[in-house]
Amino acid sequence: MKTADVSKITETIVALELAINERWNKGDVDGALEMYSEDVTYFDPVTERRLDGRKTVETYFRQFFEGKLNILRNEFPNPQVIVSDGGDLAVLHYNLINIVPDGQGGEKQGTPWNSTQVYRLIDGQWRVVHVNWSFTHNLAALHAMSS
């Protein structure tokens, strides 16, 4: 049985995710799309249902995000990568804090997010096969749970 080099895989996956977000911050959705597998599945708080396939996700991204984002930088506190024993599957999860312009020449913290990205090694390349984004603090959900 092959033993995965967890440290190396973790470093690679986090670097890939940072590169995706660097482009995303400028409204360049292709950074993410280039990393997605053909059969990627995707959820976020806006999607009513799971989006299946890169073409479907691409249509969604181009409609709602392409050229529309202005994120100055991100912070990724506590990223964690869980690697399969075979080293061909990795689950990355992290909190994402976006720093955005405040409209007055300064900056402020944007909406905090939770992210889970599942990567699979396909033909020697790490590809994202599943994405799930959620809000870190959802006051409506907290209120509903406490009612």
N, C-alpha and C. Protein backbone atom coordinates (compact mmCIF):
# COMPACT_ATOMS: atom_id res chain seq x y z
N MET A 1 0.84 -1.19 0.00
CA MET A 1 0.00 0.00 0.00
C MET A 1 0.88 1.25 0.00
N LYS A 2 0.56 2.17 -0.86
CA LYS A 2 1.30 3.42 -0.98
C LYS A 2 0.97 4.32 0.22
N THR A 3 2.00 4.92 0.80
CA THR A 3 1.79 5.86 1.89
C THR A 3 1.91 7.28 1.34
N ALA A 4 0.90 8.08 1.57
CA ALA A 4 0.86 9.44 1.03
C ALA A 4 1.82 10.35 1.78
N ASP A 5 2.43 11.28 1.06
CA ASP A 5 3.26 12.32 1.66
C ASP A 5 2.32 13.47 2.03
N VAL A 6 1.74 13.36 3.22
CA VAL A 6 0.69 14.29 3.65
C VAL A 6 1.19 15.73 3.67
N SER A 7 2.41 15.96 4.16
CA SER A 7 2.95 17.33 4.22
C SER A 7 3.05 17.95 2.84
N LYS A 8 3.59 17.20 1.89
CA LYS A 8 3.75 17.72 0.53
C LYS A 8 2.39 17.96 -0.12
N ILE A 9 1.47 17.04 0.04
CA ILE A 9 0.14 17.20 -0.54
C ILE A 9 -0.57 18.40 0.08
N THR A 10 -0.47 18.54 1.40
CA THR A 10 -1.08 19.68 2.08
C THR A 10 -0.53 20.99 1.54
N GLU A 11 0.77 21.08 1.43
CA GLU A 11 1.41 22.29 0.90
C GLU A 11 0.93 22.59 -0.52
N THR A 12 0.84 21.58 -1.34
CA THR A 12 0.39 21.74 -2.73
C THR A 12 -1.05 22.21 -2.79
N ILE A 13 -1.93 21.58 -2.04
CA ILE A 13 -3.36 21.92 -2.07
C ILE A 13 -3.59 23.34 -1.58
N VAL A 14 -2.95 23.73 -0.49
CA VAL A 14 -3.11 25.09 0.04
C VAL A 14 -2.59 26.11 -0.97
N ALA A 15 -1.45 25.83 -1.61
CA ALA A 15 -0.90 26.74 -2.62
C ALA A 15 -1.86 26.89 -3.80
N LEU A 16 -2.46 25.79 -4.24
CA LEU A 16 -3.42 25.86 -5.34
C LEU A 16 -4.62 26.72 -4.95
N GLU A 17 -5.11 26.54 -3.75
CA GLU A 17 -6.28 27.30 -3.29
C GLU A 17 -5.95 28.78 -3.17
N LEU A 18 -4.76 29.10 -2.67
CA LEU A 18 -4.34 30.50 -2.59
C LEU A 18 -4.28 31.13 -3.99
N ALA A 19 -3.77 30.39 -4.96
CA ALA A 19 -3.69 30.89 -6.33
C ALA A 19 -5.08 31.12 -6.92
N ILE A 20 -6.00 30.20 -6.66
CA ILE A 20 -7.39 30.38 -7.13
C ILE A 20 -7.97 31.66 -6.54
N ASN A 21 -7.81 31.84 -5.24
CA ASN A 21 -8.40 33.01 -4.58
C ASN A 21 -7.74 34.31 -5.00
N GLU A 22 -6.46 34.29 -5.31
CA GLU A 22 -5.77 35.49 -5.78
C GLU A 22 -6.43 36.01 -7.06
N ARG A 23 -6.76 35.11 -7.95
CA ARG A 23 -7.43 35.50 -9.20
C ARG A 23 -8.90 35.86 -8.95
N TRP A 24 -9.56 35.07 -8.11
CA TRP A 24 -10.97 35.31 -7.80
C TRP A 24 -11.17 36.72 -7.23
N ASN A 25 -10.24 37.15 -6.38
CA ASN A 25 -10.35 38.46 -5.74
C ASN A 25 -10.50 39.59 -6.75
N LYS A 26 -9.97 39.40 -7.93
CA LYS A 26 -10.01 40.42 -8.98
C LYS A 26 -11.17 40.19 -9.94
N GLY A 27 -12.03 39.24 -9.63
CA GLY A 27 -13.16 38.94 -10.50
C GLY A 27 -12.83 38.00 -11.64
N ASP A 28 -11.67 37.33 -11.56
CA ASP A 28 -11.23 36.38 -12.59
C ASP A 28 -11.69 34.98 -12.18
N VAL A 29 -12.82 34.56 -12.69
CA VAL A 29 -13.39 33.26 -12.32
C VAL A 29 -12.67 32.09 -12.99
N ASP A 30 -11.87 32.38 -14.00
CA ASP A 30 -11.18 31.29 -14.72
C ASP A 30 -10.16 30.57 -13.85
N GLY A 31 -9.60 31.24 -12.85
CA GLY A 31 -8.67 30.57 -11.96
C GLY A 31 -9.31 29.37 -11.28
N ALA A 32 -10.54 29.53 -10.84
CA ALA A 32 -11.26 28.41 -10.23
C ALA A 32 -11.68 27.40 -11.29
N LEU A 33 -12.26 27.88 -12.37
CA LEU A 33 -12.77 26.97 -13.40
C LEU A 33 -11.67 26.09 -13.98
N GLU A 34 -10.48 26.62 -14.12
CA GLU A 34 -9.35 25.83 -14.65
C GLU A 34 -8.97 24.68 -13.73
N MET A 35 -9.26 24.82 -12.45
CA MET A 35 -8.91 23.78 -11.47
C MET A 35 -10.03 22.76 -11.29
N TYR A 36 -11.24 23.09 -11.74
CA TYR A 36 -12.37 22.20 -11.53
C TYR A 36 -12.36 21.04 -12.51
N SER A 37 -12.73 19.87 -12.02
CA SER A 37 -12.89 18.71 -12.90
C SER A 37 -14.13 18.91 -13.76
N GLU A 38 -14.23 18.15 -14.82
CA GLU A 38 -15.41 18.24 -15.70
C GLU A 38 -16.70 17.94 -14.94
N ASP A 39 -16.62 17.04 -13.95
CA ASP A 39 -17.82 16.61 -13.22
C ASP A 39 -17.90 17.21 -11.82
N VAL A 40 -17.29 18.38 -11.63
CA VAL A 40 -17.32 19.05 -10.33
C VAL A 40 -18.77 19.26 -9.86
N THR A 41 -18.97 19.20 -8.55
CA THR A 41 -20.25 19.58 -7.95
C THR A 41 -20.00 20.79 -7.06
N TYR A 42 -21.02 21.66 -6.94
CA TYR A 42 -20.81 22.97 -6.31
C TYR A 42 -22.06 23.40 -5.55
N PHE A 43 -21.83 23.90 -4.32
CA PHE A 43 -22.88 24.53 -3.51
C PHE A 43 -22.36 25.87 -2.99
N ASP A 44 -23.23 26.85 -2.88
CA ASP A 44 -22.95 28.05 -2.09
C ASP A 44 -24.29 28.56 -1.55
N PRO A 45 -24.29 29.60 -0.70
CA PRO A 45 -25.56 30.04 -0.10
C PRO A 45 -26.57 30.60 -1.09
N VAL A 46 -26.16 30.91 -2.31
CA VAL A 46 -27.06 31.48 -3.30
C VAL A 46 -27.71 30.40 -4.16
N THR A 47 -27.01 29.31 -4.38
CA THR A 47 -27.55 28.26 -5.25
C THR A 47 -28.69 27.53 -4.54
N GLU A 48 -29.77 27.36 -5.27
CA GLU A 48 -30.93 26.67 -4.69
C GLU A 48 -30.67 25.17 -4.59
N ARG A 49 -29.95 24.66 -5.58
CA ARG A 49 -29.61 23.23 -5.62
C ARG A 49 -28.14 23.09 -5.97
N ARG A 50 -27.67 21.89 -5.85
CA ARG A 50 -26.29 21.59 -6.24
C ARG A 50 -26.13 21.86 -7.74
N LEU A 51 -25.00 22.48 -8.11
CA LEU A 51 -24.66 22.65 -9.51
C LEU A 51 -23.76 21.50 -9.92
N ASP A 52 -24.10 20.83 -11.01
CA ASP A 52 -23.36 19.66 -11.47
C ASP A 52 -22.64 19.96 -12.78
N GLY A 53 -21.33 19.78 -12.78
CA GLY A 53 -20.53 19.93 -13.98
C GLY A 53 -19.92 21.31 -14.14
N ARG A 54 -18.71 21.32 -14.70
CA ARG A 54 -17.98 22.58 -14.86
C ARG A 54 -18.74 23.57 -15.74
N LYS A 55 -19.40 23.11 -16.79
CA LYS A 55 -20.14 24.03 -17.68
C LYS A 55 -21.25 24.75 -16.92
N THR A 56 -21.96 24.03 -16.07
CA THR A 56 -23.04 24.64 -15.27
C THR A 56 -22.46 25.65 -14.29
N VAL A 57 -21.37 25.27 -13.62
CA VAL A 57 -20.72 26.18 -12.67
C VAL A 57 -20.19 27.41 -13.42
N GLU A 58 -19.63 27.20 -14.59
CA GLU A 58 -19.10 28.32 -15.37
C GLU A 58 -20.19 29.33 -15.70
N THR A 59 -21.34 28.86 -16.13
CA THR A 59 -22.46 29.76 -16.44
C THR A 59 -22.83 30.58 -15.21
N TYR A 60 -22.92 29.94 -14.08
CA TYR A 60 -23.24 30.62 -12.82
C TYR A 60 -22.17 31.65 -12.47
N PHE A 61 -20.90 31.27 -12.52
CA PHE A 61 -19.81 32.18 -12.18
C PHE A 61 -19.80 33.40 -13.10
N ARG A 62 -19.95 33.17 -14.38
CA ARG A 62 -19.88 34.29 -15.34
C ARG A 62 -21.06 35.25 -15.14
N GLN A 63 -22.21 34.72 -14.76
CA GLN A 63 -23.37 35.58 -14.55
C GLN A 63 -23.24 36.41 -13.28
N PHE A 64 -22.77 35.82 -12.20
CA PHE A 64 -22.82 36.50 -10.91
C PHE A 64 -21.49 37.05 -10.39
N PHE A 65 -20.36 36.54 -10.85
CA PHE A 65 -19.10 36.93 -10.23
C PHE A 65 -18.06 37.53 -11.17
N GLU A 66 -18.05 37.13 -12.42
CA GLU A 66 -16.98 37.56 -13.33
C GLU A 66 -16.92 39.08 -13.43
N GLY A 67 -15.76 39.64 -13.12
CA GLY A 67 -15.55 41.08 -13.21
C GLY A 67 -16.27 41.90 -12.17
N LYS A 68 -16.92 41.27 -11.21
CA LYS A 68 -17.74 41.99 -10.23
C LYS A 68 -17.15 42.00 -8.83
N LEU A 69 -16.02 41.37 -8.64
CA LEU A 69 -15.45 41.27 -7.29
C LEU A 69 -14.31 42.26 -7.12
N ASN A 70 -14.20 42.80 -5.94
CA ASN A 70 -13.10 43.69 -5.61
C ASN A 70 -12.66 43.38 -4.18
N ILE A 71 -11.93 42.31 -4.05
CA ILE A 71 -11.44 41.87 -2.75
C ILE A 71 -9.96 42.21 -2.69
N LEU A 72 -9.57 42.95 -1.67
CA LEU A 72 -8.18 43.39 -1.57
C LEU A 72 -7.23 42.24 -1.23
N ARG A 73 -7.66 41.41 -0.32
CA ARG A 73 -6.84 40.25 0.08
C ARG A 73 -7.70 39.33 0.93
N ASN A 74 -7.17 38.14 1.19
CA ASN A 74 -7.85 37.16 2.02
C ASN A 74 -6.96 36.75 3.18
N GLU A 75 -7.60 36.26 4.20
CA GLU A 75 -6.91 35.57 5.29
C GLU A 75 -7.53 34.18 5.38
N PHE A 76 -6.68 33.17 5.59
CA PHE A 76 -7.11 31.77 5.67
C PHE A 76 -6.74 31.22 7.04
N PRO A 77 -7.40 31.64 8.10
CA PRO A 77 -7.01 31.07 9.40
C PRO A 77 -7.33 29.57 9.46
N ASN A 78 -6.40 28.82 9.96
CA ASN A 78 -6.59 27.40 10.26
C ASN A 78 -6.99 26.51 9.09
N PRO A 79 -6.31 26.59 7.93
CA PRO A 79 -6.65 25.63 6.88
C PRO A 79 -6.24 24.23 7.31
N GLN A 80 -7.02 23.25 6.92
CA GLN A 80 -6.67 21.86 7.22
C GLN A 80 -6.91 21.03 5.97
N VAL A 81 -5.99 20.12 5.70
CA VAL A 81 -6.12 19.20 4.58
C VAL A 81 -6.11 17.78 5.13
N ILE A 82 -7.11 17.02 4.76
CA ILE A 82 -7.19 15.60 5.12
C ILE A 82 -6.89 14.82 3.84
N VAL A 83 -5.91 13.93 3.90
CA VAL A 83 -5.44 13.22 2.71
C VAL A 83 -5.78 11.74 2.84
N SER A 84 -6.28 11.17 1.74
CA SER A 84 -6.57 9.73 1.73
C SER A 84 -5.27 8.94 1.84
N ASP A 85 -5.38 7.72 2.32
CA ASP A 85 -4.19 6.86 2.47
C ASP A 85 -3.45 6.68 1.15
N GLY A 86 -4.18 6.60 0.07
CA GLY A 86 -3.57 6.42 -1.24
C GLY A 86 -2.96 7.69 -1.82
N GLY A 87 -3.26 8.83 -1.19
CA GLY A 87 -2.69 10.10 -1.63
C GLY A 87 -3.29 10.66 -2.91
N ASP A 88 -4.48 10.18 -3.29
CA ASP A 88 -5.09 10.67 -4.52
C ASP A 88 -6.36 11.48 -4.28
N LEU A 89 -6.70 11.71 -3.01
CA LEU A 89 -7.88 12.49 -2.65
C LEU A 89 -7.52 13.33 -1.43
N ALA A 90 -7.91 14.60 -1.47
CA ALA A 90 -7.62 15.50 -0.35
C ALA A 90 -8.81 16.41 -0.12
N VAL A 91 -9.17 16.58 1.14
CA VAL A 91 -10.27 17.47 1.52
C VAL A 91 -9.65 18.66 2.23
N LEU A 92 -9.86 19.83 1.67
CA LEU A 92 -9.37 21.08 2.25
C LEU A 92 -10.55 21.80 2.87
N HIS A 93 -10.40 22.21 4.10
CA HIS A 93 -11.43 23.08 4.67
C HIS A 93 -10.75 24.20 5.43
N TYR A 94 -11.39 25.37 5.37
CA TYR A 94 -10.81 26.57 5.98
C TYR A 94 -11.89 27.63 6.15
N ASN A 95 -11.57 28.59 6.99
CA ASN A 95 -12.37 29.80 7.10
C ASN A 95 -11.70 30.83 6.19
N LEU A 96 -12.50 31.62 5.52
CA LEU A 96 -11.98 32.65 4.63
C LEU A 96 -12.47 34.00 5.11
N ILE A 97 -11.54 34.90 5.30
CA ILE A 97 -11.89 36.27 5.66
C ILE A 97 -11.44 37.16 4.51
N ASN A 98 -12.40 37.82 3.87
CA ASN A 98 -12.09 38.75 2.78
C ASN A 98 -11.93 40.15 3.34
N ILE A 99 -10.91 40.83 2.88
CA ILE A 99 -10.72 42.24 3.21
C ILE A 99 -11.09 43.02 1.95
N VAL A 100 -12.06 43.94 2.11
CA VAL A 100 -12.63 44.66 0.97
C VAL A 100 -12.51 46.17 1.19
N PRO A 101 -12.62 46.97 0.12
CA PRO A 101 -12.61 48.43 0.29
C PRO A 101 -13.82 48.87 1.12
N ASP A 102 -13.61 49.89 1.94
CA ASP A 102 -14.72 50.39 2.76
C ASP A 102 -15.49 51.52 2.09
N GLY A 103 -15.09 51.90 0.87
CA GLY A 103 -15.78 52.96 0.15
C GLY A 103 -15.28 54.35 0.48
N GLN A 104 -14.35 54.45 1.44
CA GLN A 104 -13.83 55.75 1.84
C GLN A 104 -12.30 55.78 1.81
N GLY A 105 -11.73 54.92 1.00
CA GLY A 105 -10.28 54.88 0.87
C GLY A 105 -9.58 53.92 1.82
N GLY A 106 -10.35 53.30 2.69
CA GLY A 106 -9.77 52.33 3.63
C GLY A 106 -10.23 50.93 3.29
N GLU A 107 -10.20 50.09 4.29
CA GLU A 107 -10.62 48.71 4.08
C GLU A 107 -11.38 48.21 5.30
N LYS A 108 -12.12 47.13 5.07
CA LYS A 108 -12.91 46.52 6.14
C LYS A 108 -13.00 45.03 5.89
N GLN A 109 -13.42 44.31 6.90
CA GLN A 109 -13.62 42.87 6.75
C GLN A 109 -14.95 42.63 6.05
N GLY A 110 -14.91 41.78 5.04
CA GLY A 110 -16.13 41.38 4.34
C GLY A 110 -16.79 40.21 5.05
N THR A 111 -17.73 39.60 4.38
CA THR A 111 -18.44 38.45 4.93
C THR A 111 -17.48 37.29 5.17
N PRO A 112 -17.47 36.72 6.38
CA PRO A 112 -16.62 35.54 6.62
C PRO A 112 -17.30 34.28 6.07
N TRP A 113 -16.47 33.39 5.52
CA TRP A 113 -16.96 32.18 4.86
C TRP A 113 -16.33 30.94 5.46
N ASN A 114 -17.05 29.83 5.32
CA ASN A 114 -16.50 28.49 5.54
C ASN A 114 -16.37 27.86 4.16
N SER A 115 -15.28 27.16 3.93
CA SER A 115 -15.08 26.53 2.63
C SER A 115 -14.64 25.09 2.81
N THR A 116 -15.20 24.22 1.99
CA THR A 116 -14.74 22.84 1.88
C THR A 116 -14.53 22.57 0.40
N GLN A 117 -13.32 22.15 0.05
CA GLN A 117 -12.97 21.84 -1.33
C GLN A 117 -12.42 20.42 -1.34
N VAL A 118 -12.94 19.59 -2.20
CA VAL A 118 -12.43 18.23 -2.33
C VAL A 118 -11.61 18.16 -3.61
N TYR A 119 -10.35 17.79 -3.46
CA TYR A 119 -9.42 17.67 -4.58
C TYR A 119 -9.17 16.19 -4.87
N ARG A 120 -9.05 15.86 -6.15
CA ARG A 120 -8.70 14.50 -6.56
C ARG A 120 -7.54 14.60 -7.56
N LEU A 121 -6.61 13.68 -7.44
CA LEU A 121 -5.50 13.61 -8.38
C LEU A 121 -5.99 12.89 -9.63
N ILE A 122 -6.11 13.64 -10.74
CA ILE A 122 -6.63 13.11 -12.00
C ILE A 122 -5.55 13.30 -13.07
N ASP A 123 -5.10 12.20 -13.62
CA ASP A 123 -4.05 12.24 -14.65
C ASP A 123 -2.85 13.08 -14.21
N GLY A 124 -2.46 12.91 -12.93
CA GLY A 124 -1.28 13.59 -12.40
C GLY A 124 -1.49 15.03 -12.00
N GLN A 125 -2.72 15.55 -12.10
CA GLN A 125 -3.02 16.94 -11.74
C GLN A 125 -4.09 16.96 -10.65
N TRP A 126 -3.89 17.83 -9.66
CA TRP A 126 -4.93 18.00 -8.64
C TRP A 126 -6.07 18.80 -9.24
N ARG A 127 -7.28 18.27 -9.14
CA ARG A 127 -8.49 18.92 -9.64
C ARG A 127 -9.52 18.97 -8.52
N VAL A 128 -10.28 20.06 -8.50
CA VAL A 128 -11.36 20.20 -7.53
C VAL A 128 -12.56 19.42 -8.05
N VAL A 129 -13.08 18.50 -7.23
CA VAL A 129 -14.23 17.69 -7.64
C VAL A 129 -15.50 18.06 -6.87
N HIS A 130 -15.35 18.78 -5.76
CA HIS A 130 -16.52 19.24 -5.02
C HIS A 130 -16.17 20.52 -4.27
N VAL A 131 -17.13 21.45 -4.24
CA VAL A 131 -16.97 22.74 -3.57
C VAL A 131 -18.21 23.01 -2.73
N ASN A 132 -18.00 23.47 -1.51
CA ASN A 132 -19.11 23.88 -0.66
C ASN A 132 -18.71 25.15 0.09
N TRP A 133 -19.44 26.22 -0.14
CA TRP A 133 -19.23 27.48 0.56
C TRP A 133 -20.44 27.74 1.45
N SER A 134 -20.19 28.26 2.65
CA SER A 134 -21.28 28.67 3.54
C SER A 134 -20.83 29.89 4.32
N PHE A 135 -21.79 30.65 4.81
CA PHE A 135 -21.47 31.80 5.65
C PHE A 135 -21.03 31.31 7.02
N THR A 136 -20.02 31.95 7.58
CA THR A 136 -19.56 31.60 8.92
C THR A 136 -20.60 32.01 9.97
N HIS A 137 -21.11 33.21 9.83
CA HIS A 137 -22.11 33.72 10.77
C HIS A 137 -23.39 33.99 9.99
N ASN A 138 -24.41 33.21 10.22
CA ASN A 138 -25.68 33.41 9.55
C ASN A 138 -26.71 33.68 10.65
N LEU A 139 -26.99 34.96 10.87
CA LEU A 139 -27.86 35.35 11.98
C LEU A 139 -29.27 34.79 11.83
N ALA A 140 -29.78 34.71 10.59
CA ALA A 140 -31.12 34.15 10.40
C ALA A 140 -31.16 32.69 10.81
N ALA A 141 -30.12 31.94 10.47
CA ALA A 141 -30.06 30.53 10.86
C ALA A 141 -29.96 30.39 12.37
N LEU A 142 -29.13 31.21 12.99
CA LEU A 142 -29.00 31.16 14.45
C LEU A 142 -30.33 31.48 15.12
N HIS A 143 -31.02 32.48 14.60
CA HIS A 143 -32.31 32.86 15.17
C HIS A 143 -33.32 31.72 15.02
N ALA A 144 -33.36 31.10 13.84
CA ALA A 144 -34.31 30.00 13.60
C ALA A 144 -34.03 28.82 14.53
N MET A 145 -32.77 28.54 14.80
CA MET A 145 -32.41 27.42 15.67
C MET A 145 -32.76 27.69 17.13
N SER A 146 -32.76 28.96 17.51
CA SER A 146 -33.03 29.28 18.91
C SER A 146 -34.51 29.52 19.17
N SER A 147 -35.32 29.52 18.12
CA SER A 147 -36.77 29.77 18.28
C SER A 147 -37.49 28.52 18.73
